[in-house]
Amino acid sequence: MYLSDSEEIVAFIVAIAIVIGFVASTYMEIKNTIAEEKAKVAEKLENEEKIKTLITYFDTKKKLIDTVVQANKKKAAEINKPNK
C-alpha cells in the first residue's frame, strides 16, 4: 500500500508529534525524579542536624546530672563527717 504525498506528510507529522510527546514526558519524569531526590537529600540533612542537636542536648543534660550527683555526694559526705 502506497501513501499519497499528503498522507505521508500527515504520517510524518504524527510521528514527530509522538516522538516529541515521548521526549517531553521523559523530560518531565526525569525532572520530577531529580526534584524528589533533592527533597530527600534536604530532608536527610535536616534530620542529621536535628540528631546533632539532640546529641548535644543529651550530652549537656548528662553533664548537668553528673554535676548534681557529685554535688549530692559531696553534701552527703559533709553531713556524714563527724564534727571536730
N, C-alpha and C. Protein backbone atom coordinates (compact mmCIF):
# COMPACT_ATOMS: atom_id res chain seq x y z
N MET A 1 0.84 -1.17 0.00
CA MET A 1 0.00 0.00 0.00
C MET A 1 0.89 1.24 0.00
N TYR A 2 0.60 2.09 -0.93
CA TYR A 2 1.37 3.32 -1.06
C TYR A 2 0.55 4.50 -0.55
N LEU A 3 1.25 5.47 0.04
CA LEU A 3 0.58 6.66 0.56
C LEU A 3 0.80 7.82 -0.40
N SER A 4 -0.19 8.68 -0.46
CA SER A 4 -0.03 9.87 -1.28
C SER A 4 0.88 10.85 -0.54
N ASP A 5 1.26 11.90 -1.22
CA ASP A 5 2.17 12.88 -0.61
C ASP A 5 1.55 13.51 0.64
N SER A 6 0.29 13.87 0.58
CA SER A 6 -0.35 14.49 1.74
C SER A 6 -0.46 13.49 2.90
N GLU A 7 -0.73 12.23 2.61
CA GLU A 7 -0.80 11.20 3.66
C GLU A 7 0.57 10.98 4.29
N GLU A 8 1.62 11.01 3.47
CA GLU A 8 2.97 10.87 4.00
C GLU A 8 3.32 12.03 4.93
N ILE A 9 2.93 13.24 4.54
CA ILE A 9 3.20 14.42 5.36
C ILE A 9 2.46 14.30 6.70
N VAL A 10 1.19 13.88 6.64
CA VAL A 10 0.41 13.72 7.87
C VAL A 10 1.04 12.64 8.75
N ALA A 11 1.45 11.52 8.15
CA ALA A 11 2.07 10.44 8.92
C ALA A 11 3.39 10.91 9.54
N PHE A 12 4.15 11.69 8.79
CA PHE A 12 5.41 12.22 9.29
C PHE A 12 5.16 13.17 10.47
N ILE A 13 4.16 14.04 10.34
CA ILE A 13 3.83 14.98 11.41
C ILE A 13 3.37 14.23 12.66
N VAL A 14 2.56 13.19 12.47
CA VAL A 14 2.09 12.38 13.60
C VAL A 14 3.28 11.70 14.28
N ALA A 15 4.20 11.17 13.48
CA ALA A 15 5.38 10.50 14.05
C ALA A 15 6.22 11.49 14.85
N ILE A 16 6.41 12.68 14.30
CA ILE A 16 7.17 13.70 15.02
C ILE A 16 6.46 14.09 16.31
N ALA A 17 5.13 14.22 16.26
CA ALA A 17 4.37 14.56 17.47
C ALA A 17 4.52 13.48 18.53
N ILE A 18 4.51 12.22 18.12
CA ILE A 18 4.67 11.11 19.07
C ILE A 18 6.06 11.17 19.71
N VAL A 19 7.08 11.40 18.90
CA VAL A 19 8.44 11.48 19.42
C VAL A 19 8.58 12.67 20.37
N ILE A 20 8.03 13.82 19.99
CA ILE A 20 8.09 15.00 20.86
C ILE A 20 7.36 14.73 22.18
N GLY A 21 6.21 14.07 22.10
CA GLY A 21 5.46 13.73 23.31
C GLY A 21 6.26 12.80 24.21
N PHE A 22 6.91 11.81 23.61
CA PHE A 22 7.73 10.89 24.39
C PHE A 22 8.90 11.62 25.05
N VAL A 23 9.56 12.48 24.31
CA VAL A 23 10.69 13.24 24.86
C VAL A 23 10.20 14.15 25.99
N ALA A 24 9.07 14.81 25.79
CA ALA A 24 8.54 15.71 26.82
C ALA A 24 8.17 14.93 28.08
N SER A 25 7.52 13.79 27.93
CA SER A 25 7.12 13.02 29.11
C SER A 25 8.35 12.47 29.83
N THR A 26 9.35 12.04 29.08
CA THR A 26 10.59 11.56 29.69
C THR A 26 11.29 12.69 30.44
N TYR A 27 11.32 13.86 29.84
CA TYR A 27 11.93 15.03 30.49
C TYR A 27 11.21 15.36 31.80
N MET A 28 9.89 15.34 31.78
CA MET A 28 9.12 15.65 32.99
C MET A 28 9.36 14.60 34.07
N GLU A 29 9.45 13.34 33.70
CA GLU A 29 9.72 12.28 34.68
C GLU A 29 11.10 12.46 35.30
N ILE A 30 12.08 12.76 34.47
CA ILE A 30 13.44 12.98 34.98
C ILE A 30 13.47 14.19 35.90
N LYS A 31 12.78 15.26 35.50
CA LYS A 31 12.73 16.47 36.32
C LYS A 31 12.08 16.18 37.67
N ASN A 32 10.99 15.43 37.68
CA ASN A 32 10.32 15.07 38.93
C ASN A 32 11.20 14.18 39.80
N THR A 33 11.90 13.24 39.18
CA THR A 33 12.79 12.36 39.93
C THR A 33 13.91 13.15 40.58
N ILE A 34 14.48 14.08 39.86
CA ILE A 34 15.55 14.91 40.41
C ILE A 34 15.02 15.75 41.57
N ALA A 35 13.82 16.31 41.42
CA ALA A 35 13.22 17.11 42.50
C ALA A 35 12.98 16.25 43.74
N GLU A 36 12.51 15.03 43.55
CA GLU A 36 12.29 14.12 44.68
C GLU A 36 13.60 13.79 45.38
N GLU A 37 14.65 13.53 44.60
CA GLU A 37 15.94 13.21 45.20
C GLU A 37 16.50 14.40 45.97
N LYS A 38 16.34 15.61 45.41
CA LYS A 38 16.80 16.81 46.12
C LYS A 38 16.04 16.97 47.43
N ALA A 39 14.74 16.69 47.41
CA ALA A 39 13.93 16.79 48.63
C ALA A 39 14.39 15.76 49.66
N LYS A 40 14.71 14.55 49.20
CA LYS A 40 15.19 13.51 50.11
C LYS A 40 16.52 13.93 50.75
N VAL A 41 17.41 14.49 49.94
CA VAL A 41 18.71 14.92 50.46
C VAL A 41 18.52 16.05 51.47
N ALA A 42 17.64 17.00 51.15
CA ALA A 42 17.38 18.11 52.07
C ALA A 42 16.79 17.59 53.38
N GLU A 43 15.86 16.64 53.28
CA GLU A 43 15.25 16.07 54.49
C GLU A 43 16.30 15.32 55.31
N LYS A 44 17.19 14.60 54.62
CA LYS A 44 18.24 13.86 55.32
C LYS A 44 19.16 14.82 56.07
N LEU A 45 19.55 15.91 55.42
CA LEU A 45 20.41 16.90 56.07
C LEU A 45 19.70 17.54 57.26
N GLU A 46 18.41 17.83 57.10
CA GLU A 46 17.64 18.40 58.19
C GLU A 46 17.57 17.43 59.37
N ASN A 47 17.34 16.17 59.07
CA ASN A 47 17.29 15.16 60.13
C ASN A 47 18.63 15.00 60.82
N GLU A 48 19.72 15.06 60.06
CA GLU A 48 21.05 14.96 60.65
C GLU A 48 21.31 16.13 61.60
N GLU A 49 20.87 17.33 61.20
CA GLU A 49 21.03 18.49 62.08
C GLU A 49 20.22 18.33 63.35
N LYS A 50 19.00 17.81 63.22
CA LYS A 50 18.17 17.58 64.40
C LYS A 50 18.83 16.55 65.33
N ILE A 51 19.40 15.52 64.74
CA ILE A 51 20.07 14.49 65.54
C ILE A 51 21.28 15.08 66.27
N LYS A 52 22.05 15.91 65.57
CA LYS A 52 23.21 16.55 66.20
C LYS A 52 22.76 17.43 67.37
N THR A 53 21.66 18.15 67.17
CA THR A 53 21.12 19.00 68.24
C THR A 53 20.69 18.15 69.43
N LEU A 54 20.02 17.04 69.16
CA LEU A 54 19.59 16.15 70.24
C LEU A 54 20.78 15.56 70.98
N ILE A 55 21.81 15.17 70.25
CA ILE A 55 23.00 14.61 70.89
C ILE A 55 23.63 15.65 71.80
N THR A 56 23.74 16.88 71.31
CA THR A 56 24.29 17.96 72.13
C THR A 56 23.43 18.18 73.37
N TYR A 57 22.12 18.17 73.18
CA TYR A 57 21.20 18.35 74.30
C TYR A 57 21.38 17.26 75.35
N PHE A 58 21.44 16.01 74.90
CA PHE A 58 21.59 14.90 75.84
C PHE A 58 22.96 14.92 76.53
N ASP A 59 24.01 15.29 75.79
CA ASP A 59 25.33 15.40 76.41
C ASP A 59 25.32 16.47 77.51
N THR A 60 24.71 17.61 77.21
CA THR A 60 24.63 18.68 78.20
C THR A 60 23.81 18.24 79.41
N LYS A 61 22.72 17.57 79.14
CA LYS A 61 21.87 17.09 80.24
C LYS A 61 22.63 16.07 81.09
N LYS A 62 23.40 15.19 80.46
CA LYS A 62 24.19 14.20 81.19
C LYS A 62 25.22 14.89 82.08
N LYS A 63 25.89 15.90 81.53
CA LYS A 63 26.88 16.64 82.33
C LYS A 63 26.20 17.31 83.53
N LEU A 64 25.03 17.87 83.31
CA LEU A 64 24.30 18.51 84.40
C LEU A 64 23.92 17.49 85.47
N ILE A 65 23.42 16.35 85.05
CA ILE A 65 23.05 15.29 86.00
C ILE A 65 24.28 14.81 86.77
N ASP A 66 25.40 14.62 86.06
CA ASP A 66 26.64 14.20 86.73
C ASP A 66 27.08 15.23 87.77
N THR A 67 26.96 16.50 87.43
CA THR A 67 27.34 17.57 88.36
C THR A 67 26.44 17.54 89.59
N VAL A 68 25.15 17.35 89.39
CA VAL A 68 24.22 17.28 90.52
C VAL A 68 24.53 16.07 91.39
N VAL A 69 24.83 14.93 90.78
CA VAL A 69 25.17 13.73 91.55
C VAL A 69 26.43 13.96 92.37
N GLN A 70 27.45 14.56 91.77
CA GLN A 70 28.69 14.84 92.50
C GLN A 70 28.42 15.80 93.66
N ALA A 71 27.61 16.82 93.42
CA ALA A 71 27.29 17.77 94.48
C ALA A 71 26.54 17.08 95.61
N ASN A 72 25.63 16.20 95.27
CA ASN A 72 24.89 15.45 96.30
C ASN A 72 25.82 14.54 97.09
N LYS A 73 26.77 13.91 96.40
CA LYS A 73 27.74 13.04 97.09
C LYS A 73 28.59 13.86 98.05
N LYS A 74 29.06 15.04 97.62
CA LYS A 74 29.86 15.90 98.48
C LYS A 74 29.05 16.35 99.69
N LYS A 75 27.81 16.72 99.43
CA LYS A 75 26.94 17.16 100.52
C LYS A 75 26.69 16.03 101.51
N ALA A 76 26.45 14.82 101.00
CA ALA A 76 26.23 13.67 101.87
C ALA A 76 27.49 13.34 102.65
N ALA A 77 28.66 13.48 102.02
CA ALA A 77 29.92 13.21 102.71
C ALA A 77 30.14 14.23 103.82
N GLU A 78 29.81 15.50 103.57
CA GLU A 78 29.97 16.53 104.58
C GLU A 78 29.01 16.31 105.75
N ILE A 79 27.81 15.86 105.45
CA ILE A 79 26.82 15.61 106.51
C ILE A 79 27.26 14.43 107.37
N ASN A 80 27.83 13.42 106.77
CA ASN A 80 28.24 12.21 107.49
C ASN A 80 29.56 12.38 108.23
N LYS A 81 30.31 13.46 107.98
CA LYS A 81 31.58 13.69 108.68
C LYS A 81 31.30 14.02 110.14
N PRO A 82 32.08 13.45 111.01
CA PRO A 82 31.92 13.84 112.42
C PRO A 82 32.48 15.25 112.63
N ASN A 83 31.80 16.04 113.42
CA ASN A 83 32.25 17.41 113.69
C ASN A 83 33.41 17.39 114.69
N LYS A 84 34.43 18.15 114.44
CA LYS A 84 35.59 18.21 115.34
C LYS A 84 35.70 19.55 115.96
